[in-house]
Amino acid sequence: MNIDKETERSIQELQLLEQNIQNLLLQKQAFQIELSETTNAAEELKKSKDDAFRIVGQIMLKADRAELEKELEEKKKLLNLRISSIEKQEDLIAEKTEKLRQEITKKLK
């Protein structure tokens, strides 16, 4: 089968878009894991009546419970925002990918 230059460029663009989607999925997964860990830490902090500690590098430092709870909640909000942003990018790229895939299929038929 002989493919014209425009179709070749479209195929390369499609491959690039698919790589972008994979990268976004990996980023989203990392943020979701971090969100899960942060949520668990916040829940454990609320359950516990003991002293609160913050891990800095490889040491644990005593921390103010209220301040730590506030930081965890802010971190959760930020992670949710990042995940939401990635999902919007995913949707846009997926839409563009599907449109391009359809165009390439039409050209190759």
PDB file of N, CA and C in Angstrom:
ATOM      1  N   MET A   1       0.850  -1.178   0.000  1.00  0.00           N
ATOM      2  CA  MET A   1       0.000   0.000   0.000  1.00  0.00           C
ATOM      3  C   MET A   1       0.892   1.236   0.000  1.00  0.00           C
ATOM      4  N   ASN A   2       0.537   2.201  -0.803  1.00  0.00           N
ATOM      5  CA  ASN A   2       1.299   3.435  -0.922  1.00  0.00           C
ATOM      6  C   ASN A   2       0.586   4.537  -0.142  1.00  0.00           C
ATOM      7  N   ILE A   3       1.278   5.124   0.821  1.00  0.00           N
ATOM      8  CA  ILE A   3       0.683   6.150   1.674  1.00  0.00           C
ATOM      9  C   ILE A   3       1.293   7.499   1.320  1.00  0.00           C
ATOM     10  N   ASP A   4       0.426   8.508   1.130  1.00  0.00           N
ATOM     11  CA  ASP A   4       0.946   9.838   0.795  1.00  0.00           C
ATOM     12  C   ASP A   4       1.550  10.505   2.038  1.00  0.00           C
ATOM     13  N   LYS A   5       2.289  11.594   1.792  1.00  0.00           N
ATOM     14  CA  LYS A   5       3.009  12.287   2.871  1.00  0.00           C
ATOM     15  C   LYS A   5       2.060  12.814   3.946  1.00  0.00           C
ATOM     16  N   GLU A   6       0.933  13.329   3.537  1.00  0.00           N
ATOM     17  CA  GLU A   6      -0.033  13.881   4.490  1.00  0.00           C
ATOM     18  C   GLU A   6      -0.550  12.795   5.438  1.00  0.00           C
ATOM     19  N   THR A   7      -0.825  11.635   4.888  1.00  0.00           N
ATOM     20  CA  THR A   7      -1.298  10.517   5.711  1.00  0.00           C
ATOM     21  C   THR A   7      -0.196  10.050   6.647  1.00  0.00           C
ATOM     22  N   GLU A   8       1.037  10.026   6.173  1.00  0.00           N
ATOM     23  CA  GLU A   8       2.163   9.659   7.034  1.00  0.00           C
ATOM     24  C   GLU A   8       2.293  10.617   8.208  1.00  0.00           C
ATOM     25  N   ARG A   9       2.160  11.918   7.922  1.00  0.00           N
ATOM     26  CA  ARG A   9       2.222  12.921   8.985  1.00  0.00           C
ATOM     27  C   ARG A   9       1.074  12.728   9.972  1.00  0.00           C
ATOM     28  N   SER A  10      -0.092  12.415   9.451  1.00  0.00           N
ATOM     29  CA  SER A  10      -1.243  12.173  10.321  1.00  0.00           C
ATOM     30  C   SER A  10      -1.014  10.968  11.218  1.00  0.00           C
ATOM     31  N   ILE A  11      -0.425   9.921  10.672  1.00  0.00           N
ATOM     32  CA  ILE A  11      -0.129   8.717  11.458  1.00  0.00           C
ATOM     33  C   ILE A  11       0.900   9.034  12.548  1.00  0.00           C
ATOM     34  N   GLN A  12       1.918   9.809  12.201  1.00  0.00           N
ATOM     35  CA  GLN A  12       2.921  10.201  13.197  1.00  0.00           C
ATOM     36  C   GLN A  12       2.287  11.060  14.295  1.00  0.00           C
ATOM     37  N   GLU A  13       1.402  11.961  13.897  1.00  0.00           N
ATOM     38  CA  GLU A  13       0.713  12.798  14.873  1.00  0.00           C
ATOM     39  C   GLU A  13      -0.160  11.940  15.793  1.00  0.00           C
ATOM     40  N   LEU A  14      -0.819  10.945  15.206  1.00  0.00           N
ATOM     41  CA  LEU A  14      -1.647  10.029  15.997  1.00  0.00           C
ATOM     42  C   LEU A  14      -0.793   9.276  17.017  1.00  0.00           C
ATOM     43  N   GLN A  15       0.365   8.800  16.597  1.00  0.00           N
ATOM     44  CA  GLN A  15       1.258   8.096  17.510  1.00  0.00           C
ATOM     45  C   GLN A  15       1.721   9.017  18.639  1.00  0.00           C
ATOM     46  N   LEU A  16       2.006  10.253  18.316  1.00  0.00           N
ATOM     47  CA  LEU A  16       2.423  11.221  19.318  1.00  0.00           C
ATOM     48  C   LEU A  16       1.297  11.501  20.318  1.00  0.00           C
ATOM     49  N   LEU A  17       0.083  11.634  19.804  1.00  0.00           N
ATOM     50  CA  LEU A  17      -1.069  11.863  20.678  1.00  0.00           C
ATOM     51  C   LEU A  17      -1.282  10.667  21.616  1.00  0.00           C
ATOM     52  N   GLU A  18      -1.118   9.467  21.096  1.00  0.00           N
ATOM     53  CA  GLU A  18      -1.277   8.266  21.926  1.00  0.00           C
ATOM     54  C   GLU A  18      -0.192   8.201  23.006  1.00  0.00           C
ATOM     55  N   GLN A  19       1.022   8.623  22.676  1.00  0.00           N
ATOM     56  CA  GLN A  19       2.087   8.682  23.679  1.00  0.00           C
ATOM     57  C   GLN A  19       1.749   9.713  24.754  1.00  0.00           C
ATOM     58  N   ASN A  20       1.187  10.843  24.326  1.00  0.00           N
ATOM     59  CA  ASN A  20       0.790  11.880  25.278  1.00  0.00           C
ATOM     60  C   ASN A  20      -0.271  11.354  26.240  1.00  0.00           C
ATOM     61  N   ILE A  21      -1.217  10.598  25.709  1.00  0.00           N
ATOM     62  CA  ILE A  21      -2.258  10.017  26.561  1.00  0.00           C
ATOM     63  C   ILE A  21      -1.623   9.059  27.578  1.00  0.00           C
ATOM     64  N   GLN A  22      -0.680   8.241  27.133  1.00  0.00           N
ATOM     65  CA  GLN A  22       0.001   7.317  28.049  1.00  0.00           C
ATOM     66  C   GLN A  22       0.735   8.080  29.155  1.00  0.00           C
ATOM     67  N   ASN A  23       1.420   9.161  28.784  1.00  0.00           N
ATOM     68  CA  ASN A  23       2.134   9.970  29.772  1.00  0.00           C
ATOM     69  C   ASN A  23       1.160  10.586  30.779  1.00  0.00           C
ATOM     70  N   LEU A  24       0.036  11.075  30.283  1.00  0.00           N
ATOM     71  CA  LEU A  24      -0.969  11.654  31.172  1.00  0.00           C
ATOM     72  C   LEU A  24      -1.528  10.598  32.124  1.00  0.00           C
ATOM     73  N   LEU A  25      -1.750   9.399  31.606  1.00  0.00           N
ATOM     74  CA  LEU A  25      -2.255   8.317  32.454  1.00  0.00           C
ATOM     75  C   LEU A  25      -1.270   7.984  33.576  1.00  0.00           C
ATOM     76  N   LEU A  26       0.013   7.976  33.252  1.00  0.00           N
ATOM     77  CA  LEU A  26       1.028   7.703  34.270  1.00  0.00           C
ATOM     78  C   LEU A  26       1.064   8.807  35.321  1.00  0.00           C
ATOM     79  N   GLN A  27       0.975  10.055  34.872  1.00  0.00           N
ATOM     80  CA  GLN A  27       0.948  11.179  35.810  1.00  0.00           C
ATOM     81  C   GLN A  27      -0.285  11.108  36.703  1.00  0.00           C
ATOM     82  N   LYS A  28      -1.420  10.832  36.089  1.00  0.00           N
ATOM     83  CA  LYS A  28      -2.672  10.755  36.847  1.00  0.00           C
ATOM     84  C   LYS A  28      -2.596   9.640  37.875  1.00  0.00           C
ATOM     85  N   GLN A  29      -2.050   8.509  37.491  1.00  0.00           N
ATOM     86  CA  GLN A  29      -1.926   7.384  38.410  1.00  0.00           C
ATOM     87  C   GLN A  29      -1.038   7.760  39.598  1.00  0.00           C
ATOM     88  N   ALA A  30       0.065   8.452  39.343  1.00  0.00           N
ATOM     89  CA  ALA A  30       0.964   8.876  40.422  1.00  0.00           C
ATOM     90  C   ALA A  30       0.244   9.832  41.375  1.00  0.00           C
ATOM     91  N   PHE A  31      -0.523  10.767  40.821  1.00  0.00           N
ATOM     92  CA  PHE A  31      -1.271  11.710  41.662  1.00  0.00           C
ATOM     93  C   PHE A  31      -2.365  10.994  42.451  1.00  0.00           C
ATOM     94  N   GLN A  32      -3.002  10.005  41.841  1.00  0.00           N
ATOM     95  CA  GLN A  32      -4.051   9.260  42.543  1.00  0.00           C
ATOM     96  C   GLN A  32      -3.468   8.464  43.712  1.00  0.00           C
ATOM     97  N   ILE A  33      -2.303   7.905  43.518  1.00  0.00           N
ATOM     98  CA  ILE A  33      -1.637   7.174  44.600  1.00  0.00           C
ATOM     99  C   ILE A  33      -1.287   8.139  45.729  1.00  0.00           C
ATOM    100  N   GLU A  34      -0.726   9.293  45.359  1.00  0.00           N
ATOM    101  CA  GLU A  34      -0.372  10.297  46.362  1.00  0.00           C
ATOM    102  C   GLU A  34      -1.614  10.809  47.096  1.00  0.00           C
ATOM    103  N   LEU A  35      -2.721  10.975  46.364  1.00  0.00           N
ATOM    104  CA  LEU A  35      -3.977  11.414  46.976  1.00  0.00           C
ATOM    105  C   LEU A  35      -4.477  10.368  47.963  1.00  0.00           C
ATOM    106  N   SER A  36      -4.394   9.111  47.583  1.00  0.00           N
ATOM    107  CA  SER A  36      -4.822   8.030  48.461  1.00  0.00           C
ATOM    108  C   SER A  36      -3.995   8.011  49.746  1.00  0.00           C
ATOM    109  N   GLU A  37      -2.690   8.162  49.600  1.00  0.00           N
ATOM    110  CA  GLU A  37      -1.809   8.180  50.771  1.00  0.00           C
ATOM    111  C   GLU A  37      -2.104   9.383  51.664  1.00  0.00           C
ATOM    112  N   THR A  38      -2.347  10.527  51.045  1.00  0.00           N
ATOM    113  CA  THR A  38      -2.646  11.747  51.803  1.00  0.00           C
ATOM    114  C   THR A  38      -3.973  11.611  52.530  1.00  0.00           C
ATOM    115  N   THR A  39      -4.964  11.040  51.860  1.00  0.00           N
ATOM    116  CA  THR A  39      -6.281  10.823  52.474  1.00  0.00           C
ATOM    117  C   THR A  39      -6.161   9.882  53.663  1.00  0.00           C
ATOM    118  N   ASN A  40      -5.413   8.803  53.493  1.00  0.00           N
ATOM    119  CA  ASN A  40      -5.200   7.851  54.592  1.00  0.00           C
ATOM    120  C   ASN A  40      -4.486   8.515  55.770  1.00  0.00           C
ATOM    121  N   ALA A  41      -3.491   9.336  55.469  1.00  0.00           N
ATOM    122  CA  ALA A  41      -2.756  10.028  56.536  1.00  0.00           C
ATOM    123  C   ALA A  41      -3.690  10.973  57.296  1.00  0.00           C
ATOM    124  N   ALA A  42      -4.547  11.692  56.562  1.00  0.00           N
ATOM    125  CA  ALA A  42      -5.492  12.622  57.199  1.00  0.00           C
ATOM    126  C   ALA A  42      -6.479  11.861  58.083  1.00  0.00           C
ATOM    127  N   GLU A  43      -6.957  10.728  57.608  1.00  0.00           N
ATOM    128  CA  GLU A  43      -7.903   9.922  58.390  1.00  0.00           C
ATOM    129  C   GLU A  43      -7.245   9.373  59.652  1.00  0.00           C
ATOM    130  N   GLU A  44      -6.026   8.885  59.525  1.00  0.00           N
ATOM    131  CA  GLU A  44      -5.311   8.357  60.686  1.00  0.00           C
ATOM    132  C   GLU A  44      -5.025   9.465  61.699  1.00  0.00           C
ATOM    133  N   LEU A  45      -4.719  10.639  61.199  1.00  0.00           N
ATOM    134  CA  LEU A  45      -4.450  11.773  62.083  1.00  0.00           C
ATOM    135  C   LEU A  45      -5.703  12.132  62.886  1.00  0.00           C
ATOM    136  N   LYS A  46      -6.865  12.074  62.239  1.00  0.00           N
ATOM    137  CA  LYS A  46      -8.125  12.382  62.922  1.00  0.00           C
ATOM    138  C   LYS A  46      -8.469  11.318  63.965  1.00  0.00           C
ATOM    139  N   LYS A  47      -8.160  10.052  63.674  1.00  0.00           N
ATOM    140  CA  LYS A  47      -8.460   8.950  64.597  1.00  0.00           C
ATOM    141  C   LYS A  47      -7.558   8.977  65.830  1.00  0.00           C
ATOM    142  N   SER A  48      -6.311   9.325  65.632  1.00  0.00           N
ATOM    143  CA  SER A  48      -5.307   9.241  66.680  1.00  0.00           C
ATOM    144  C   SER A  48      -5.401  10.422  67.644  1.00  0.00           C
ATOM    145  N   LYS A  49      -5.175  10.132  68.899  1.00  0.00           N
ATOM    146  CA  LYS A  49      -5.121  11.182  69.916  1.00  0.00           C
ATOM    147  C   LYS A  49      -3.682  11.423  70.360  1.00  0.00           C
ATOM    148  N   ASP A  50      -2.753  10.650  69.814  1.00  0.00           N
ATOM    149  CA  ASP A  50      -1.340  10.776  70.160  1.00  0.00           C
ATOM    150  C   ASP A  50      -0.743  12.016  69.502  1.00  0.00           C
ATOM    151  N   ASP A  51       0.525  12.239  69.799  1.00  0.00           N
ATOM    152  CA  ASP A  51       1.241  13.343  69.156  1.00  0.00           C
ATOM    153  C   ASP A  51       1.291  13.132  67.648  1.00  0.00           C
ATOM    154  N   ALA A  52       1.341  14.230  66.922  1.00  0.00           N
ATOM    155  CA  ALA A  52       1.428  14.161  65.458  1.00  0.00           C
ATOM    156  C   ALA A  52       2.875  14.427  65.049  1.00  0.00           C
ATOM    157  N   PHE A  53       3.285  13.713  64.013  1.00  0.00           N
ATOM    158  CA  PHE A  53       4.654  13.870  63.523  1.00  0.00           C
ATOM    159  C   PHE A  53       4.641  14.069  62.008  1.00  0.00           C
ATOM    160  N   ARG A  54       5.640  14.801  61.547  1.00  0.00           N
ATOM    161  CA  ARG A  54       5.835  15.041  60.113  1.00  0.00           C
ATOM    162  C   ARG A  54       7.153  14.377  59.740  1.00  0.00           C
ATOM    163  N   ILE A  55       7.141  13.694  58.607  1.00  0.00           N
ATOM    164  CA  ILE A  55       8.371  13.058  58.137  1.00  0.00           C
ATOM    165  C   ILE A  55       9.095  14.040  57.231  1.00  0.00           C
ATOM    166  N   VAL A  56      10.342  14.337  57.597  1.00  0.00           N
ATOM    167  CA  VAL A  56      11.178  15.235  56.813  1.00  0.00           C
ATOM    168  C   VAL A  56      12.443  14.465  56.468  1.00  0.00           C
ATOM    169  N   GLY A  57      12.546  14.104  55.203  1.00  0.00           N
ATOM    170  CA  GLY A  57      13.686  13.280  54.803  1.00  0.00           C
ATOM    171  C   GLY A  57      13.573  11.922  55.460  1.00  0.00           C
ATOM    172  N   GLN A  58      14.526  11.606  56.312  1.00  0.00           N
ATOM    173  CA  GLN A  58      14.506  10.317  56.992  1.00  0.00           C
ATOM    174  C   GLN A  58      14.280  10.453  58.494  1.00  0.00           C
ATOM    175  N   ILE A  59      13.806  11.637  58.918  1.00  0.00           N
ATOM    176  CA  ILE A  59      13.527  11.822  60.342  1.00  0.00           C
ATOM    177  C   ILE A  59      12.084  12.260  60.551  1.00  0.00           C
ATOM    178  N   MET A  60      11.596  12.011  61.743  1.00  0.00           N
ATOM    179  CA  MET A  60      10.243  12.426  62.100  1.00  0.00           C
ATOM    180  C   MET A  60      10.345  13.571  63.096  1.00  0.00           C
ATOM    181  N   LEU A  61       9.593  14.648  62.812  1.00  0.00           N
ATOM    182  CA  LEU A  61       9.573  15.802  63.691  1.00  0.00           C
ATOM    183  C   LEU A  61       8.174  15.984  64.256  1.00  0.00           C
ATOM    184  N   LYS A  62       8.108  16.307  65.534  1.00  0.00           N
ATOM    185  CA  LYS A  62       6.812  16.557  66.151  1.00  0.00           C
ATOM    186  C   LYS A  62       6.193  17.781  65.473  1.00  0.00           C
ATOM    187  N   ALA A  63       4.888  17.694  65.184  1.00  0.00           N
ATOM    188  CA  ALA A  63       4.214  18.779  64.452  1.00  0.00           C
ATOM    189  C   ALA A  63       2.914  19.144  65.163  1.00  0.00           C
ATOM    190  N   ASP A  64       2.478  20.360  64.917  1.00  0.00           N
ATOM    191  CA  ASP A  64       1.193  20.817  65.439  1.00  0.00           C
ATOM    192  C   ASP A  64       0.085  20.086  64.683  1.00  0.00           C
ATOM    193  N   ARG A  65      -0.796  19.432  65.423  1.00  0.00           N
ATOM    194  CA  ARG A  65      -1.857  18.611  64.823  1.00  0.00           C
ATOM    195  C   ARG A  65      -2.754  19.428  63.888  1.00  0.00           C
ATOM    196  N   ALA A  66      -3.203  20.583  64.319  1.00  0.00           N
ATOM    197  CA  ALA A  66      -4.110  21.408  63.510  1.00  0.00           C
ATOM    198  C   ALA A  66      -3.429  21.865  62.219  1.00  0.00           C
ATOM    199  N   GLU A  67      -2.179  22.271  62.351  1.00  0.00           N
ATOM    200  CA  GLU A  67      -1.429  22.714  61.174  1.00  0.00           C
ATOM    201  C   GLU A  67      -1.234  21.562  60.186  1.00  0.00           C
ATOM    202  N   LEU A  68      -0.931  20.398  60.713  1.00  0.00           N
ATOM    203  CA  LEU A  68      -0.729  19.217  59.876  1.00  0.00           C
ATOM    204  C   LEU A  68      -2.029  18.817  59.171  1.00  0.00           C
ATOM    205  N   GLU A  69      -3.152  18.857  59.886  1.00  0.00           N
ATOM    206  CA  GLU A  69      -4.455  18.551  59.273  1.00  0.00           C
ATOM    207  C   GLU A  69      -4.754  19.534  58.147  1.00  0.00           C
ATOM    208  N   LYS A  70      -4.477  20.823  58.397  1.00  0.00           N
ATOM    209  CA  LYS A  70      -4.717  21.850  57.374  1.00  0.00           C
ATOM    210  C   LYS A  70      -3.849  21.593  56.136  1.00  0.00           C
ATOM    211  N   GLU A  71      -2.579  21.267  56.363  1.00  0.00           N
ATOM    212  CA  GLU A  71      -1.675  20.991  55.237  1.00  0.00           C
ATOM    213  C   GLU A  71      -2.135  19.794  54.425  1.00  0.00           C
ATOM    214  N   LEU A  72      -2.588  18.745  55.110  1.00  0.00           N
ATOM    215  CA  LEU A  72      -3.063  17.553  54.404  1.00  0.00           C
ATOM    216  C   LEU A  72      -4.315  17.864  53.579  1.00  0.00           C
ATOM    217  N   GLU A  73      -5.215  18.649  54.134  1.00  0.00           N
ATOM    218  CA  GLU A  73      -6.425  19.024  53.386  1.00  0.00           C
ATOM    219  C   GLU A  73      -6.078  19.869  52.164  1.00  0.00           C
ATOM    220  N   GLU A  74      -5.135  20.799  52.331  1.00  0.00           N
ATOM    221  CA  GLU A  74      -4.708  21.622  51.193  1.00  0.00           C
ATOM    222  C   GLU A  74      -4.042  20.764  50.121  1.00  0.00           C
ATOM    223  N   LYS A  75      -3.245  19.799  50.573  1.00  0.00           N
ATOM    224  CA  LYS A  75      -2.582  18.895  49.627  1.00  0.00           C
ATOM    225  C   LYS A  75      -3.615  18.071  48.868  1.00  0.00           C
ATOM    226  N   LYS A  76      -4.655  17.596  49.567  1.00  0.00           N
ATOM    227  CA  LYS A  76      -5.717  16.831  48.908  1.00  0.00           C
ATOM    228  C   LYS A  76      -6.418  17.684  47.853  1.00  0.00           C
ATOM    229  N   LYS A  77      -6.703  18.943  48.184  1.00  0.00           N
ATOM    230  CA  LYS A  77      -7.349  19.836  47.215  1.00  0.00           C
ATOM    231  C   LYS A  77      -6.469  20.031  45.988  1.00  0.00           C
ATOM    232  N   LEU A  78      -5.185  20.247  46.215  1.00  0.00           N
ATOM    233  CA  LEU A  78      -4.247  20.444  45.106  1.00  0.00           C
ATOM    234  C   LEU A  78      -4.154  19.197  44.227  1.00  0.00           C
ATOM    235  N   LEU A  79      -4.081  18.038  44.854  1.00  0.00           N
ATOM    236  CA  LEU A  79      -3.997  16.793  44.085  1.00  0.00           C
ATOM    237  C   LEU A  79      -5.272  16.550  43.283  1.00  0.00           C
ATOM    238  N   ASN A  80      -6.425  16.829  43.888  1.00  0.00           N
ATOM    239  CA  ASN A  80      -7.687  16.689  43.156  1.00  0.00           C
ATOM    240  C   ASN A  80      -7.735  17.635  41.964  1.00  0.00           C
ATOM    241  N   LEU A  81      -7.225  18.848  42.153  1.00  0.00           N
ATOM    242  CA  LEU A  81      -7.181  19.824  41.057  1.00  0.00           C
ATOM    243  C   LEU A  81      -6.275  19.337  39.932  1.00  0.00           C
ATOM    244  N   ARG A  82      -5.126  18.796  40.296  1.00  0.00           N
ATOM    245  CA  ARG A  82      -4.193  18.279  39.282  1.00  0.00           C
ATOM    246  C   ARG A  82      -4.804  17.103  38.527  1.00  0.00           C
ATOM    247  N   ILE A  83      -5.453  16.215  39.244  1.00  0.00           N
ATOM    248  CA  ILE A  83      -6.093  15.059  38.610  1.00  0.00           C
ATOM    249  C   ILE A  83      -7.185  15.525  37.662  1.00  0.00           C
ATOM    250  N   SER A  84      -7.973  16.491  38.101  1.00  0.00           N
ATOM    251  CA  SER A  84      -9.038  17.033  37.263  1.00  0.00           C
ATOM    252  C   SER A  84      -8.471  17.668  35.992  1.00  0.00           C
ATOM    253  N   SER A  85      -7.387  18.399  36.151  1.00  0.00           N
ATOM    254  CA  SER A  85      -6.739  19.033  35.002  1.00  0.00           C
ATOM    255  C   SER A  85      -6.226  17.986  34.009  1.00  0.00           C
ATOM    256  N   ILE A  86      -5.624  16.939  34.519  1.00  0.00           N
ATOM    257  CA  ILE A  86      -5.121  15.862  33.657  1.00  0.00           C
ATOM    258  C   ILE A  86      -6.276  15.177  32.942  1.00  0.00           C
ATOM    259  N   GLU A  87      -7.383  14.958  33.647  1.00  0.00           N
ATOM    260  CA  GLU A  87      -8.545  14.312  33.021  1.00  0.00           C
ATOM    261  C   GLU A  87      -9.100  15.167  31.880  1.00  0.00           C
ATOM    262  N   LYS A  88      -9.102  16.481  32.054  1.00  0.00           N
ATOM    263  CA  LYS A  88      -9.555  17.370  30.978  1.00  0.00           C
ATOM    264  C   LYS A  88      -8.619  17.270  29.778  1.00  0.00           C
ATOM    265  N   GLN A  89      -7.304  17.247  30.048  1.00  0.00           N
ATOM    266  CA  GLN A  89      -6.342  17.098  28.958  1.00  0.00           C
ATOM    267  C   GLN A  89      -6.532  15.753  28.260  1.00  0.00           C
ATOM    268  N   GLU A  90      -6.752  14.717  29.048  1.00  0.00           N
ATOM    269  CA  GLU A  90      -6.982  13.379  28.485  1.00  0.00           C
ATOM    270  C   GLU A  90      -8.178  13.395  27.539  1.00  0.00           C
ATOM    271  N   ASP A  91      -9.271  14.010  27.994  1.00  0.00           N
ATOM    272  CA  ASP A  91     -10.483  14.061  27.184  1.00  0.00           C
ATOM    273  C   ASP A  91     -10.244  14.785  25.865  1.00  0.00           C
ATOM    274  N   LEU A  92      -9.547  15.917  25.934  1.00  0.00           N
ATOM    275  CA  LEU A  92      -9.268  16.677  24.711  1.00  0.00           C
ATOM    276  C   LEU A  92      -8.390  15.887  23.747  1.00  0.00           C
ATOM    277  N   ILE A  93      -7.357  15.270  24.274  1.00  0.00           N
ATOM    278  CA  ILE A  93      -6.446  14.501  23.419  1.00  0.00           C
ATOM    279  C   ILE A  93      -7.146  13.266  22.871  1.00  0.00           C
ATOM    280  N   ALA A  94      -7.958  12.604  23.696  1.00  0.00           N
ATOM    281  CA  ALA A  94      -8.676  11.416  23.234  1.00  0.00           C
ATOM    282  C   ALA A  94      -9.637  11.776  22.111  1.00  0.00           C
ATOM    283  N   GLU A  95     -10.298  12.916  22.252  1.00  0.00           N
ATOM    284  CA  GLU A  95     -11.222  13.381  21.212  1.00  0.00           C
ATOM    285  C   GLU A  95     -10.462  13.662  19.920  1.00  0.00           C
ATOM    286  N   LYS A  96      -9.336  14.357  20.035  1.00  0.00           N
ATOM    287  CA  LYS A  96      -8.522  14.671  18.869  1.00  0.00           C
ATOM    288  C   LYS A  96      -7.965  13.389  18.239  1.00  0.00           C
ATOM    289  N   THR A  97      -7.563  12.445  19.080  1.00  0.00           N
ATOM    290  CA  THR A  97      -7.026  11.169  18.605  1.00  0.00           C
ATOM    291  C   THR A  97      -8.074  10.398  17.817  1.00  0.00           C
ATOM    292  N   GLU A  98      -9.273  10.338  18.350  1.00  0.00           N
ATOM    293  CA  GLU A  98     -10.347   9.598  17.676  1.00  0.00           C
ATOM    294  C   GLU A  98     -10.682  10.235  16.325  1.00  0.00           C
ATOM    295  N   LYS A  99     -10.733  11.551  16.303  1.00  0.00           N
ATOM    296  CA  LYS A  99     -11.027  12.262  15.046  1.00  0.00           C
ATOM    297  C   LYS A  99      -9.933  11.980  14.016  1.00  0.00           C
ATOM    298  N   LEU A 100      -8.688  12.054  14.443  1.00  0.00           N
ATOM    299  CA  LEU A 100      -7.565  11.807  13.544  1.00  0.00           C
ATOM    300  C   LEU A 100      -7.558  10.355  13.075  1.00  0.00           C
ATOM    301  N   ARG A 101      -7.866   9.431  13.982  1.00  0.00           N
ATOM    302  CA  ARG A 101      -7.922   8.004  13.629  1.00  0.00           C
ATOM    303  C   ARG A 101      -8.977   7.764  12.543  1.00  0.00           C
ATOM    304  N   GLN A 102     -10.124   8.418  12.681  1.00  0.00           N
ATOM    305  CA  GLN A 102     -11.191   8.279  11.677  1.00  0.00           C
ATOM    306  C   GLN A 102     -10.760   8.842  10.324  1.00  0.00           C
ATOM    307  N   GLU A 103     -10.066   9.979  10.347  1.00  0.00           N
ATOM    308  CA  GLU A 103      -9.594  10.583   9.100  1.00  0.00           C
ATOM    309  C   GLU A 103      -8.585   9.655   8.407  1.00  0.00           C
ATOM    310  N   ILE A 104      -7.688   9.080   9.183  1.00  0.00           N
ATOM    311  CA  ILE A 104      -6.675   8.191   8.609  1.00  0.00           C
ATOM    312  C   ILE A 104      -7.350   6.943   8.029  1.00  0.00           C
ATOM    313  N   THR A 105      -8.321   6.402   8.757  1.00  0.00           N
ATOM    314  CA  THR A 105      -9.037   5.215   8.281  1.00  0.00           C
ATOM    315  C   THR A 105      -9.731   5.499   6.962  1.00  0.00           C
ATOM    316  N   LYS A 106     -10.344   6.668   6.844  1.00  0.00           N
ATOM    317  CA  LYS A 106     -11.010   7.030   5.584  1.00  0.00           C
ATOM    318  C   LYS A 106     -10.019   7.122   4.435  1.00  0.00           C
ATOM    319  N   LYS A 107      -8.853   7.695   4.709  1.00  0.00           N
ATOM    320  CA  LYS A 107      -7.840   7.858   3.650  1.00  0.00           C
ATOM    321  C   LYS A 107      -7.290   6.507   3.205  1.00  0.00           C
ATOM    322  N   LEU A 108      -7.193   5.565   4.137  1.00  0.00           N
ATOM    323  CA  LEU A 108      -6.594   4.281   3.819  1.00  0.00           C
ATOM    324  C   LEU A 108      -7.574   3.302   3.174  1.00  0.00           C
ATOM    325  N   LYS A 109      -8.848   3.602   3.204  1.00  0.00           N
ATOM    326  CA  LYS A 109      -9.831   2.686   2.602  1.00  0.00           C
ATOM    327  C   LYS A 109      -9.904   2.813   1.127  1.00  0.00           C
TER     328      LYS A 109
END
